[in-house]
Amino acid sequence: NIGIIIETPGFLPGLTGMKNLQILASLKRKIDDDAIRETIRRVGLDPNMNDITKGNNVDAYWGIDDCKGEYARLLDLGATEHHGPQDVGGGIIVASVLDPFGNVFGIIENPNFGKK
């Protein structure tokens, strides 16, 4: 058993997001694994990390004003579909493409970017 005090919630390095959320949820025992998985799905992520291998996932997203339009423009420029635009709530839309070299390139439209 491990005892912890959370002053500033954060993720434990070396663990998946799913495992981090399971640990945090176990402290209060208010939600189960199915609720965690559903929440992760809601924000456009794969809680089971299916088909995730080194090099085929996005580490960073480029902030843009029009995700759907930019996604179409990237495809017109020669990118390959990876994950089409998905509304993950709060007006936030994410998508990703593969560049000609097979690298994942993520884009995000977030109405909160640039707000002060």
PDB file of N, CA and C in Angstrom:
ATOM      1  N   ASN A   1       0.836  -1.188   0.000  1.00  0.00           N
ATOM      2  CA  ASN A   1       0.000   0.000   0.000  1.00  0.00           C
ATOM      3  C   ASN A   1       0.877   1.246   0.000  1.00  0.00           C
ATOM      4  N   ILE A   2       0.370   2.263  -0.700  1.00  0.00           N
ATOM      5  CA  ILE A   2       1.096   3.525  -0.800  1.00  0.00           C
ATOM      6  C   ILE A   2       0.194   4.628  -0.279  1.00  0.00           C
ATOM      7  N   GLY A   3       0.725   5.489   0.557  1.00  0.00           N
ATOM      8  CA  GLY A   3      -0.022   6.646   1.027  1.00  0.00           C
ATOM      9  C   GLY A   3       0.514   7.895   0.365  1.00  0.00           C
ATOM     10  N   ILE A   4      -0.379   8.746  -0.142  1.00  0.00           N
ATOM     11  CA  ILE A   4       0.073   9.974  -0.779  1.00  0.00           C
ATOM     12  C   ILE A   4      -0.829  11.136  -0.389  1.00  0.00           C
ATOM     13  N   ILE A   5      -0.274  12.321  -0.471  1.00  0.00           N
ATOM     14  CA  ILE A   5      -1.038  13.549  -0.296  1.00  0.00           C
ATOM     15  C   ILE A   5      -0.926  14.304  -1.606  1.00  0.00           C
ATOM     16  N   ILE A   6      -2.062  14.684  -2.165  1.00  0.00           N
ATOM     17  CA  ILE A   6      -2.041  15.388  -3.442  1.00  0.00           C
ATOM     18  C   ILE A   6      -2.235  16.877  -3.188  1.00  0.00           C
ATOM     19  N   GLU A   7      -1.139  17.634  -3.320  1.00  0.00           N
ATOM     20  CA  GLU A   7      -1.229  19.091  -3.202  1.00  0.00           C
ATOM     21  C   GLU A   7      -1.567  19.684  -4.556  1.00  0.00           C
ATOM     22  N   THR A   8      -0.892  19.217  -5.574  1.00  0.00           N
ATOM     23  CA  THR A   8      -1.130  19.654  -6.941  1.00  0.00           C
ATOM     24  C   THR A   8      -1.284  18.402  -7.780  1.00  0.00           C
ATOM     25  N   PRO A   9      -2.497  18.092  -8.234  1.00  0.00           N
ATOM     26  CA  PRO A   9      -2.677  16.876  -9.029  1.00  0.00           C
ATOM     27  C   PRO A   9      -1.780  16.880 -10.258  1.00  0.00           C
ATOM     28  N   GLY A  10      -1.210  15.749 -10.544  1.00  0.00           N
ATOM     29  CA  GLY A  10      -0.354  15.599 -11.712  1.00  0.00           C
ATOM     30  C   GLY A  10      -0.206  14.131 -12.027  1.00  0.00           C
ATOM     31  N   PHE A  11       0.480  13.835 -13.096  1.00  0.00           N
ATOM     32  CA  PHE A  11       0.658  12.451 -13.494  1.00  0.00           C
ATOM     33  C   PHE A  11       1.980  11.906 -12.998  1.00  0.00           C
ATOM     34  N   LEU A  12       1.972  10.629 -12.668  1.00  0.00           N
ATOM     35  CA  LEU A  12       3.194   9.942 -12.251  1.00  0.00           C
ATOM     36  C   LEU A  12       3.950   9.533 -13.507  1.00  0.00           C
ATOM     37  N   PRO A  13       5.196   9.938 -13.638  1.00  0.00           N
ATOM     38  CA  PRO A  13       5.949   9.610 -14.848  1.00  0.00           C
ATOM     39  C   PRO A  13       6.116   8.104 -14.999  1.00  0.00           C
ATOM     40  N   GLY A  14       6.154   7.660 -16.235  1.00  0.00           N
ATOM     41  CA  GLY A  14       6.364   6.246 -16.508  1.00  0.00           C
ATOM     42  C   GLY A  14       5.101   5.408 -16.511  1.00  0.00           C
ATOM     43  N   LEU A  15       3.958   6.011 -16.172  1.00  0.00           N
ATOM     44  CA  LEU A  15       2.692   5.288 -16.192  1.00  0.00           C
ATOM     45  C   LEU A  15       1.796   5.867 -17.282  1.00  0.00           C
ATOM     46  N   THR A  16       0.910   5.043 -17.806  1.00  0.00           N
ATOM     47  CA  THR A  16      -0.031   5.536 -18.805  1.00  0.00           C
ATOM     48  C   THR A  16      -1.033   6.475 -18.155  1.00  0.00           C
ATOM     49  N   GLY A  17      -1.711   7.252 -18.986  1.00  0.00           N
ATOM     50  CA  GLY A  17      -2.780   8.117 -18.484  1.00  0.00           C
ATOM     51  C   GLY A  17      -3.851   7.302 -17.793  1.00  0.00           C
ATOM     52  N   MET A  18      -4.198   6.153 -18.372  1.00  0.00           N
ATOM     53  CA  MET A  18      -5.216   5.279 -17.785  1.00  0.00           C
ATOM     54  C   MET A  18      -4.796   4.846 -16.383  1.00  0.00           C
ATOM     55  N   LYS A  19      -3.548   4.403 -16.229  1.00  0.00           N
ATOM     56  CA  LYS A  19      -3.072   3.933 -14.925  1.00  0.00           C
ATOM     57  C   LYS A  19      -3.041   5.082 -13.912  1.00  0.00           C
ATOM     58  N   ASN A  20      -2.602   6.271 -14.346  1.00  0.00           N
ATOM     59  CA  ASN A  20      -2.606   7.436 -13.460  1.00  0.00           C
ATOM     60  C   ASN A  20      -4.020   7.743 -12.977  1.00  0.00           C
ATOM     61  N   LEU A  21      -4.981   7.735 -13.883  1.00  0.00           N
ATOM     62  CA  LEU A  21      -6.364   8.028 -13.493  1.00  0.00           C
ATOM     63  C   LEU A  21      -6.937   6.950 -12.575  1.00  0.00           C
ATOM     64  N   GLN A  22      -6.569   5.700 -12.796  1.00  0.00           N
ATOM     65  CA  GLN A  22      -7.018   4.628 -11.911  1.00  0.00           C
ATOM     66  C   GLN A  22      -6.487   4.839 -10.494  1.00  0.00           C
ATOM     67  N   ILE A  23      -5.247   5.245 -10.384  1.00  0.00           N
ATOM     68  CA  ILE A  23      -4.664   5.490  -9.058  1.00  0.00           C
ATOM     69  C   ILE A  23      -5.395   6.637  -8.372  1.00  0.00           C
ATOM     70  N   LEU A  24      -5.595   7.756  -9.092  1.00  0.00           N
ATOM     71  CA  LEU A  24      -6.287   8.895  -8.500  1.00  0.00           C
ATOM     72  C   LEU A  24      -7.728   8.539  -8.124  1.00  0.00           C
ATOM     73  N   ALA A  25      -8.416   7.792  -8.989  1.00  0.00           N
ATOM     74  CA  ALA A  25      -9.805   7.410  -8.716  1.00  0.00           C
ATOM     75  C   ALA A  25      -9.900   6.477  -7.512  1.00  0.00           C
ATOM     76  N   SER A  26      -8.878   5.658  -7.310  1.00  0.00           N
ATOM     77  CA  SER A  26      -8.930   4.703  -6.196  1.00  0.00           C
ATOM     78  C   SER A  26      -8.860   5.404  -4.839  1.00  0.00           C
ATOM     79  N   LEU A  27      -8.349   6.631  -4.812  1.00  0.00           N
ATOM     80  CA  LEU A  27      -8.247   7.349  -3.545  1.00  0.00           C
ATOM     81  C   LEU A  27      -9.616   7.646  -2.954  1.00  0.00           C
ATOM     82  N   LYS A  28     -10.569   7.967  -3.800  1.00  0.00           N
ATOM     83  CA  LYS A  28     -11.922   8.288  -3.331  1.00  0.00           C
ATOM     84  C   LYS A  28     -12.928   7.185  -3.640  1.00  0.00           C
ATOM     85  N   ARG A  29     -12.558   6.265  -4.505  1.00  0.00           N
ATOM     86  CA  ARG A  29     -13.428   5.150  -4.902  1.00  0.00           C
ATOM     87  C   ARG A  29     -14.798   5.635  -5.375  1.00  0.00           C
ATOM     88  N   LYS A  30     -14.799   6.716  -6.169  1.00  0.00           N
ATOM     89  CA  LYS A  30     -16.066   7.269  -6.651  1.00  0.00           C
ATOM     90  C   LYS A  30     -16.393   6.841  -8.070  1.00  0.00           C
ATOM     91  N   ILE A  31     -15.381   6.495  -8.862  1.00  0.00           N
ATOM     92  CA  ILE A  31     -15.648   6.037 -10.221  1.00  0.00           C
ATOM     93  C   ILE A  31     -14.866   4.762 -10.484  1.00  0.00           C
ATOM     94  N   ASP A  32     -15.386   3.965 -11.412  1.00  0.00           N
ATOM     95  CA  ASP A  32     -14.730   2.699 -11.728  1.00  0.00           C
ATOM     96  C   ASP A  32     -13.982   2.808 -13.058  1.00  0.00           C
ATOM     97  N   ASP A  33     -13.328   1.716 -13.453  1.00  0.00           N
ATOM     98  CA  ASP A  33     -12.531   1.705 -14.675  1.00  0.00           C
ATOM     99  C   ASP A  33     -13.370   2.019 -15.907  1.00  0.00           C
ATOM    100  N   ASP A  34     -14.613   1.546 -15.951  1.00  0.00           N
ATOM    101  CA  ASP A  34     -15.473   1.820 -17.115  1.00  0.00           C
ATOM    102  C   ASP A  34     -15.736   3.315 -17.250  1.00  0.00           C
ATOM    103  N   ALA A  35     -15.950   4.004 -16.144  1.00  0.00           N
ATOM    104  CA  ALA A  35     -16.179   5.455 -16.179  1.00  0.00           C
ATOM    105  C   ALA A  35     -14.908   6.184 -16.620  1.00  0.00           C
ATOM    106  N   ILE A  36     -13.761   5.709 -16.184  1.00  0.00           N
ATOM    107  CA  ILE A  36     -12.490   6.309 -16.602  1.00  0.00           C
ATOM    108  C   ILE A  36     -12.309   6.124 -18.107  1.00  0.00           C
ATOM    109  N   ARG A  37     -12.536   4.890 -18.600  1.00  0.00           N
ATOM    110  CA  ARG A  37     -12.398   4.621 -20.035  1.00  0.00           C
ATOM    111  C   ARG A  37     -13.333   5.507 -20.861  1.00  0.00           C
ATOM    112  N   GLU A  38     -14.579   5.660 -20.412  1.00  0.00           N
ATOM    113  CA  GLU A  38     -15.535   6.488 -21.137  1.00  0.00           C
ATOM    114  C   GLU A  38     -15.091   7.948 -21.162  1.00  0.00           C
ATOM    115  N   THR A  39     -14.562   8.438 -20.075  1.00  0.00           N
ATOM    116  CA  THR A  39     -14.077   9.816 -20.022  1.00  0.00           C
ATOM    117  C   THR A  39     -12.890  10.002 -20.960  1.00  0.00           C
ATOM    118  N   ILE A  40     -11.986   9.057 -20.989  1.00  0.00           N
ATOM    119  CA  ILE A  40     -10.831   9.127 -21.884  1.00  0.00           C
ATOM    120  C   ILE A  40     -11.301   9.119 -23.339  1.00  0.00           C
ATOM    121  N   ARG A  41     -12.275   8.257 -23.665  1.00  0.00           N
ATOM    122  CA  ARG A  41     -12.831   8.219 -25.026  1.00  0.00           C
ATOM    123  C   ARG A  41     -13.451   9.563 -25.405  1.00  0.00           C
ATOM    124  N   ARG A  42     -14.139  10.191 -24.430  1.00  0.00           N
ATOM    125  CA  ARG A  42     -14.823  11.463 -24.682  1.00  0.00           C
ATOM    126  C   ARG A  42     -13.876  12.573 -25.121  1.00  0.00           C
ATOM    127  N   VAL A  43     -12.636  12.519 -24.696  1.00  0.00           N
ATOM    128  CA  VAL A  43     -11.676  13.546 -25.083  1.00  0.00           C
ATOM    129  C   VAL A  43     -10.825  13.115 -26.281  1.00  0.00           C
ATOM    130  N   GLY A  44     -11.255  12.064 -26.963  1.00  0.00           N
ATOM    131  CA  GLY A  44     -10.604  11.666 -28.201  1.00  0.00           C
ATOM    132  C   GLY A  44      -9.394  10.778 -28.062  1.00  0.00           C
ATOM    133  N   LEU A  45      -9.214  10.160 -26.909  1.00  0.00           N
ATOM    134  CA  LEU A  45      -8.071   9.277 -26.692  1.00  0.00           C
ATOM    135  C   LEU A  45      -8.521   7.828 -26.638  1.00  0.00           C
ATOM    136  N   ASP A  46      -7.590   6.918 -26.793  1.00  0.00           N
ATOM    137  CA  ASP A  46      -7.867   5.488 -26.739  1.00  0.00           C
ATOM    138  C   ASP A  46      -7.410   4.963 -25.381  1.00  0.00           C
ATOM    139  N   PRO A  47      -8.351   4.647 -24.477  1.00  0.00           N
ATOM    140  CA  PRO A  47      -7.946   4.213 -23.141  1.00  0.00           C
ATOM    141  C   PRO A  47      -7.200   2.892 -23.125  1.00  0.00           C
ATOM    142  N   ASN A  48      -7.380   2.074 -24.146  1.00  0.00           N
ATOM    143  CA  ASN A  48      -6.710   0.783 -24.208  1.00  0.00           C
ATOM    144  C   ASN A  48      -5.401   0.864 -24.979  1.00  0.00           C
ATOM    145  N   MET A  49      -5.138   2.044 -25.558  1.00  0.00           N
ATOM    146  CA  MET A  49      -3.950   2.266 -26.366  1.00  0.00           C
ATOM    147  C   MET A  49      -3.845   1.235 -27.483  1.00  0.00           C
ATOM    148  N   ASN A  50      -4.991   0.842 -28.062  1.00  0.00           N
ATOM    149  CA  ASN A  50      -4.990  -0.077 -29.195  1.00  0.00           C
ATOM    150  C   ASN A  50      -4.254   0.554 -30.361  1.00  0.00           C
ATOM    151  N   ASP A  51      -3.492  -0.224 -31.050  1.00  0.00           N
ATOM    152  CA  ASP A  51      -2.769   0.211 -32.247  1.00  0.00           C
ATOM    153  C   ASP A  51      -1.746   1.307 -31.980  1.00  0.00           C
ATOM    154  N   ILE A  52      -1.383   1.535 -30.718  1.00  0.00           N
ATOM    155  CA  ILE A  52      -0.366   2.539 -30.410  1.00  0.00           C
ATOM    156  C   ILE A  52       0.987   1.847 -30.354  1.00  0.00           C
ATOM    157  N   THR A  53       1.895   2.320 -31.176  1.00  0.00           N
ATOM    158  CA  THR A  53       3.264   1.813 -31.153  1.00  0.00           C
ATOM    159  C   THR A  53       4.193   3.018 -31.158  1.00  0.00           C
ATOM    160  N   LYS A  54       5.428   2.792 -30.874  1.00  0.00           N
ATOM    161  CA  LYS A  54       6.387   3.890 -30.870  1.00  0.00           C
ATOM    162  C   LYS A  54       6.379   4.554 -32.245  1.00  0.00           C
ATOM    163  N   GLY A  55       6.143   5.857 -32.235  1.00  0.00           N
ATOM    164  CA  GLY A  55       6.181   6.618 -33.474  1.00  0.00           C
ATOM    165  C   GLY A  55       4.847   6.833 -34.156  1.00  0.00           C
ATOM    166  N   ASN A  56       3.750   6.188 -33.696  1.00  0.00           N
ATOM    167  CA  ASN A  56       2.481   6.415 -34.387  1.00  0.00           C
ATOM    168  C   ASN A  56       1.466   7.151 -33.524  1.00  0.00           C
ATOM    169  N   ASN A  57       1.920   7.798 -32.480  1.00  0.00           N
ATOM    170  CA  ASN A  57       1.008   8.576 -31.643  1.00  0.00           C
ATOM    171  C   ASN A  57       1.481  10.031 -31.605  1.00  0.00           C
ATOM    172  N   VAL A  58       0.578  10.914 -31.210  1.00  0.00           N
ATOM    173  CA  VAL A  58       0.882  12.343 -31.219  1.00  0.00           C
ATOM    174  C   VAL A  58       1.392  12.780 -29.854  1.00  0.00           C
ATOM    175  N   ASP A  59       2.521  13.452 -29.831  1.00  0.00           N
ATOM    176  CA  ASP A  59       3.048  14.007 -28.593  1.00  0.00           C
ATOM    177  C   ASP A  59       2.683  15.475 -28.443  1.00  0.00           C
ATOM    178  N   ALA A  60       2.453  16.157 -29.557  1.00  0.00           N
ATOM    179  CA  ALA A  60       2.125  17.581 -29.527  1.00  0.00           C
ATOM    180  C   ALA A  60       1.124  17.885 -30.627  1.00  0.00           C
ATOM    181  N   TYR A  61       0.314  18.886 -30.392  1.00  0.00           N
ATOM    182  CA  TYR A  61      -0.657  19.338 -31.375  1.00  0.00           C
ATOM    183  C   TYR A  61      -0.364  20.794 -31.723  1.00  0.00           C
ATOM    184  N   TRP A  62      -0.527  21.157 -32.977  1.00  0.00           N
ATOM    185  CA  TRP A  62      -0.377  22.533 -33.426  1.00  0.00           C
ATOM    186  C   TRP A  62      -1.725  23.224 -33.283  1.00  0.00           C
ATOM    187  N   GLY A  63      -1.769  24.336 -32.584  1.00  0.00           N
ATOM    188  CA  GLY A  63      -3.000  25.090 -32.419  1.00  0.00           C
ATOM    189  C   GLY A  63      -3.353  25.839 -33.691  1.00  0.00           C
ATOM    190  N   ILE A  64      -4.587  25.673 -34.155  1.00  0.00           N
ATOM    191  CA  ILE A  64      -5.056  26.333 -35.374  1.00  0.00           C
ATOM    192  C   ILE A  64      -6.471  26.864 -35.127  1.00  0.00           C
ATOM    193  N   ASP A  65      -6.963  27.699 -36.042  1.00  0.00           N
ATOM    194  CA  ASP A  65      -8.282  28.319 -35.878  1.00  0.00           C
ATOM    195  C   ASP A  65      -9.429  27.477 -36.435  1.00  0.00           C
ATOM    196  N   ASP A  66      -9.164  26.649 -37.445  1.00  0.00           N
ATOM    197  CA  ASP A  66     -10.223  25.881 -38.119  1.00  0.00           C
ATOM    198  C   ASP A  66      -9.735  24.458 -38.362  1.00  0.00           C
ATOM    199  N   CYS A  67     -10.007  23.570 -37.436  1.00  0.00           N
ATOM    200  CA  CYS A  67      -9.476  22.204 -37.497  1.00  0.00           C
ATOM    201  C   CYS A  67      -9.959  21.458 -38.745  1.00  0.00           C
ATOM    202  N   LYS A  68     -11.247  21.536 -39.023  1.00  0.00           N
ATOM    203  CA  LYS A  68     -11.782  20.798 -40.180  1.00  0.00           C
ATOM    204  C   LYS A  68     -11.197  21.315 -41.490  1.00  0.00           C
ATOM    205  N   GLY A  69     -11.105  22.643 -41.617  1.00  0.00           N
ATOM    206  CA  GLY A  69     -10.538  23.227 -42.826  1.00  0.00           C
ATOM    207  C   GLY A  69      -9.056  22.914 -42.973  1.00  0.00           C
ATOM    208  N   GLU A  70      -8.313  23.009 -41.887  1.00  0.00           N
ATOM    209  CA  GLU A  70      -6.878  22.733 -41.927  1.00  0.00           C
ATOM    210  C   GLU A  70      -6.612  21.254 -42.198  1.00  0.00           C
ATOM    211  N   TYR A  71      -7.456  20.381 -41.636  1.00  0.00           N
ATOM    212  CA  TYR A  71      -7.325  18.937 -41.892  1.00  0.00           C
ATOM    213  C   TYR A  71      -7.470  18.675 -43.393  1.00  0.00           C
ATOM    214  N   ALA A  72      -8.501  19.263 -44.013  1.00  0.00           N
ATOM    215  CA  ALA A  72      -8.724  19.090 -45.456  1.00  0.00           C
ATOM    216  C   ALA A  72      -7.536  19.648 -46.247  1.00  0.00           C
ATOM    217  N   ARG A  73      -7.012  20.809 -45.836  1.00  0.00           N
ATOM    218  CA  ARG A  73      -5.874  21.416 -46.524  1.00  0.00           C
ATOM    219  C   ARG A  73      -4.642  20.524 -46.439  1.00  0.00           C
ATOM    220  N   LEU A  74      -4.392  19.930 -45.253  1.00  0.00           N
ATOM    221  CA  LEU A  74      -3.239  19.033 -45.100  1.00  0.00           C
ATOM    222  C   LEU A  74      -3.373  17.806 -45.999  1.00  0.00           C
ATOM    223  N   LEU A  75      -4.581  17.268 -46.116  1.00  0.00           N
ATOM    224  CA  LEU A  75      -4.797  16.127 -47.008  1.00  0.00           C
ATOM    225  C   LEU A  75      -4.553  16.536 -48.462  1.00  0.00           C
ATOM    226  N   ASP A  76      -5.010  17.735 -48.841  1.00  0.00           N
ATOM    227  CA  ASP A  76      -4.780  18.237 -50.200  1.00  0.00           C
ATOM    228  C   ASP A  76      -3.296  18.408 -50.491  1.00  0.00           C
ATOM    229  N   LEU A  77      -2.517  18.721 -49.458  1.00  0.00           N
ATOM    230  CA  LEU A  77      -1.075  18.919 -49.618  1.00  0.00           C
ATOM    231  C   LEU A  77      -0.293  17.599 -49.641  1.00  0.00           C
ATOM    232  N   GLY A  78      -0.985  16.466 -49.464  1.00  0.00           N
ATOM    233  CA  GLY A  78      -0.310  15.170 -49.553  1.00  0.00           C
ATOM    234  C   GLY A  78      -0.229  14.375 -48.274  1.00  0.00           C
ATOM    235  N   ALA A  79      -0.770  14.905 -47.177  1.00  0.00           N
ATOM    236  CA  ALA A  79      -0.790  14.140 -45.933  1.00  0.00           C
ATOM    237  C   ALA A  79      -1.772  12.972 -46.082  1.00  0.00           C
ATOM    238  N   THR A  80      -1.631  11.985 -45.224  1.00  0.00           N
ATOM    239  CA  THR A  80      -2.519  10.819 -45.207  1.00  0.00           C
ATOM    240  C   THR A  80      -3.378  10.868 -43.960  1.00  0.00           C
ATOM    241  N   GLU A  81      -4.618  10.426 -44.089  1.00  0.00           N
ATOM    242  CA  GLU A  81      -5.517  10.409 -42.934  1.00  0.00           C
ATOM    243  C   GLU A  81      -4.936   9.558 -41.809  1.00  0.00           C
ATOM    244  N   HIS A  82      -5.046  10.061 -40.587  1.00  0.00           N
ATOM    245  CA  HIS A  82      -4.670   9.304 -39.394  1.00  0.00           C
ATOM    246  C   HIS A  82      -5.890   9.222 -38.487  1.00  0.00           C
ATOM    247  N   HIS A  83      -6.318  10.353 -37.941  1.00  0.00           N
ATOM    248  CA  HIS A  83      -7.567  10.447 -37.177  1.00  0.00           C
ATOM    249  C   HIS A  83      -8.259  11.731 -37.607  1.00  0.00           C
ATOM    250  N   GLY A  84      -9.459  11.586 -38.160  1.00  0.00           N
ATOM    251  CA  GLY A  84     -10.208  12.742 -38.628  1.00  0.00           C
ATOM    252  C   GLY A  84     -10.619  13.653 -37.490  1.00  0.00           C
ATOM    253  N   PRO A  85     -11.088  14.869 -37.836  1.00  0.00           N
ATOM    254  CA  PRO A  85     -11.507  15.823 -36.808  1.00  0.00           C
ATOM    255  C   PRO A  85     -12.550  15.234 -35.869  1.00  0.00           C
ATOM    256  N   GLN A  86     -12.328  15.421 -34.596  1.00  0.00           N
ATOM    257  CA  GLN A  86     -13.229  14.891 -33.568  1.00  0.00           C
ATOM    258  C   GLN A  86     -13.461  15.964 -32.518  1.00  0.00           C
ATOM    259  N   ASP A  87     -14.734  16.251 -32.258  1.00  0.00           N
ATOM    260  CA  ASP A  87     -15.096  17.206 -31.204  1.00  0.00           C
ATOM    261  C   ASP A  87     -14.962  16.487 -29.875  1.00  0.00           C
ATOM    262  N   VAL A  88     -14.085  16.984 -29.015  1.00  0.00           N
ATOM    263  CA  VAL A  88     -13.841  16.335 -27.730  1.00  0.00           C
ATOM    264  C   VAL A  88     -14.479  17.102 -26.582  1.00  0.00           C
ATOM    265  N   GLY A  89     -15.357  18.048 -26.924  1.00  0.00           N
ATOM    266  CA  GLY A  89     -16.086  18.802 -25.910  1.00  0.00           C
ATOM    267  C   GLY A  89     -15.517  20.186 -25.698  1.00  0.00           C
ATOM    268  N   GLY A  90     -16.377  21.085 -25.251  1.00  0.00           N
ATOM    269  CA  GLY A  90     -15.949  22.439 -24.943  1.00  0.00           C
ATOM    270  C   GLY A  90     -15.517  23.226 -26.158  1.00  0.00           C
ATOM    271  N   GLY A  91     -15.996  22.832 -27.347  1.00  0.00           N
ATOM    272  CA  GLY A  91     -15.600  23.519 -28.569  1.00  0.00           C
ATOM    273  C   GLY A  91     -14.216  23.142 -29.060  1.00  0.00           C
ATOM    274  N   ILE A  92     -13.608  22.130 -28.452  1.00  0.00           N
ATOM    275  CA  ILE A  92     -12.258  21.699 -28.826  1.00  0.00           C
ATOM    276  C   ILE A  92     -12.360  20.585 -29.855  1.00  0.00           C
ATOM    277  N   ILE A  93     -11.640  20.753 -30.967  1.00  0.00           N
ATOM    278  CA  ILE A  93     -11.633  19.752 -32.036  1.00  0.00           C
ATOM    279  C   ILE A  93     -10.183  19.352 -32.290  1.00  0.00           C
ATOM    280  N   VAL A  94      -9.929  18.047 -32.339  1.00  0.00           N
ATOM    281  CA  VAL A  94      -8.579  17.538 -32.604  1.00  0.00           C
ATOM    282  C   VAL A  94      -8.598  16.641 -33.828  1.00  0.00           C
ATOM    283  N   ALA A  95      -7.457  16.544 -34.491  1.00  0.00           N
ATOM    284  CA  ALA A  95      -7.300  15.657 -35.647  1.00  0.00           C
ATOM    285  C   ALA A  95      -5.806  15.390 -35.805  1.00  0.00           C
ATOM    286  N   SER A  96      -5.484  14.382 -36.602  1.00  0.00           N
ATOM    287  CA  SER A  96      -4.075  14.125 -36.901  1.00  0.00           C
ATOM    288  C   SER A  96      -3.955  13.499 -38.277  1.00  0.00           C
ATOM    289  N   VAL A  97      -2.821  13.750 -38.898  1.00  0.00           N
ATOM    290  CA  VAL A  97      -2.504  13.207 -40.213  1.00  0.00           C
ATOM    291  C   VAL A  97      -1.105  12.607 -40.152  1.00  0.00           C
ATOM    292  N   LEU A  98      -0.767  11.866 -41.201  1.00  0.00           N
ATOM    293  CA  LEU A  98       0.597  11.356 -41.357  1.00  0.00           C
ATOM    294  C   LEU A  98       1.263  12.179 -42.442  1.00  0.00           C
ATOM    295  N   ASP A  99       2.468  12.676 -42.158  1.00  0.00           N
ATOM    296  CA  ASP A  99       3.193  13.422 -43.192  1.00  0.00           C
ATOM    297  C   ASP A  99       3.770  12.416 -44.198  1.00  0.00           C
ATOM    298  N   PRO A 100       4.383  12.892 -45.278  1.00  0.00           N
ATOM    299  CA  PRO A 100       4.899  11.967 -46.297  1.00  0.00           C
ATOM    300  C   PRO A 100       5.939  10.979 -45.786  1.00  0.00           C
ATOM    301  N   PHE A 101       6.515  11.240 -44.613  1.00  0.00           N
ATOM    302  CA  PHE A 101       7.523  10.343 -44.050  1.00  0.00           C
ATOM    303  C   PHE A 101       6.934   9.390 -43.002  1.00  0.00           C
ATOM    304  N   GLY A 102       5.599   9.473 -42.786  1.00  0.00           N
ATOM    305  CA  GLY A 102       4.938   8.597 -41.824  1.00  0.00           C
ATOM    306  C   GLY A 102       4.876   9.137 -40.412  1.00  0.00           C
ATOM    307  N   ASN A 103       5.306  10.377 -40.187  1.00  0.00           N
ATOM    308  CA  ASN A 103       5.240  10.988 -38.862  1.00  0.00           C
ATOM    309  C   ASN A 103       3.825  11.485 -38.587  1.00  0.00           C
ATOM    310  N   VAL A 104       3.391  11.362 -37.351  1.00  0.00           N
ATOM    311  CA  VAL A 104       2.070  11.851 -36.968  1.00  0.00           C
ATOM    312  C   VAL A 104       2.162  13.352 -36.698  1.00  0.00           C
ATOM    313  N   PHE A 105       1.202  14.084 -37.253  1.00  0.00           N
ATOM    314  CA  PHE A 105       1.141  15.537 -37.117  1.00  0.00           C
ATOM    315  C   PHE A 105      -0.242  15.866 -36.581  1.00  0.00           C
ATOM    316  N   GLY A 106      -0.319  16.378 -35.352  1.00  0.00           N
ATOM    317  CA  GLY A 106      -1.603  16.666 -34.716  1.00  0.00           C
ATOM    318  C   GLY A 106      -1.967  18.134 -34.798  1.00  0.00           C
ATOM    319  N   ILE A 107      -3.272  18.403 -34.949  1.00  0.00           N
ATOM    320  CA  ILE A 107      -3.774  19.777 -34.932  1.00  0.00           C
ATOM    321  C   ILE A 107      -4.922  19.873 -33.934  1.00  0.00           C
ATOM    322  N   ILE A 108      -5.084  21.052 -33.343  1.00  0.00           N
ATOM    323  CA  ILE A 108      -6.129  21.264 -32.350  1.00  0.00           C
ATOM    324  C   ILE A 108      -6.722  22.663 -32.499  1.00  0.00           C
ATOM    325  N   GLU A 109      -8.042  22.708 -32.497  1.00  0.00           N
ATOM    326  CA  GLU A 109      -8.780  23.973 -32.474  1.00  0.00           C
ATOM    327  C   GLU A 109      -9.361  24.099 -31.070  1.00  0.00           C
ATOM    328  N   ASN A 110      -8.939  25.123 -30.360  1.00  0.00           N
ATOM    329  CA  ASN A 110      -9.386  25.307 -28.989  1.00  0.00           C
ATOM    330  C   ASN A 110      -9.776  26.772 -28.805  1.00  0.00           C
ATOM    331  N   PRO A 111     -11.078  27.026 -28.550  1.00  0.00           N
ATOM    332  CA  PRO A 111     -11.524  28.411 -28.409  1.00  0.00           C
ATOM    333  C   PRO A 111     -10.881  29.137 -27.233  1.00  0.00           C
ATOM    334  N   ASN A 112     -10.242  28.398 -26.328  1.00  0.00           N
ATOM    335  CA  ASN A 112      -9.596  29.016 -25.167  1.00  0.00           C
ATOM    336  C   ASN A 112      -8.179  29.486 -25.439  1.00  0.00           C
ATOM    337  N   PHE A 113      -7.589  29.037 -26.559  1.00  0.00           N
ATOM    338  CA  PHE A 113      -6.241  29.477 -26.892  1.00  0.00           C
ATOM    339  C   PHE A 113      -6.255  30.979 -27.153  1.00  0.00           C
ATOM    340  N   GLY A 114      -5.303  31.646 -26.628  1.00  0.00           N
ATOM    341  CA  GLY A 114      -5.187  33.082 -26.859  1.00  0.00           C
ATOM    342  C   GLY A 114      -6.019  33.946 -25.912  1.00  0.00           C
ATOM    343  N   LYS A 115      -6.886  33.323 -25.099  1.00  0.00           N
ATOM    344  CA  LYS A 115      -7.663  34.101 -24.144  1.00  0.00           C
ATOM    345  C   LYS A 115      -6.774  34.488 -22.974  1.00  0.00           C
ATOM    346  N   LYS A 116      -7.009  35.668 -22.447  1.00  0.00           N
ATOM    347  CA  LYS A 116      -6.202  36.124 -21.309  1.00  0.00           C
ATOM    348  C   LYS A 116      -7.060  36.285 -20.089  1.00  0.00           C
TER     349      LYS A 116
END
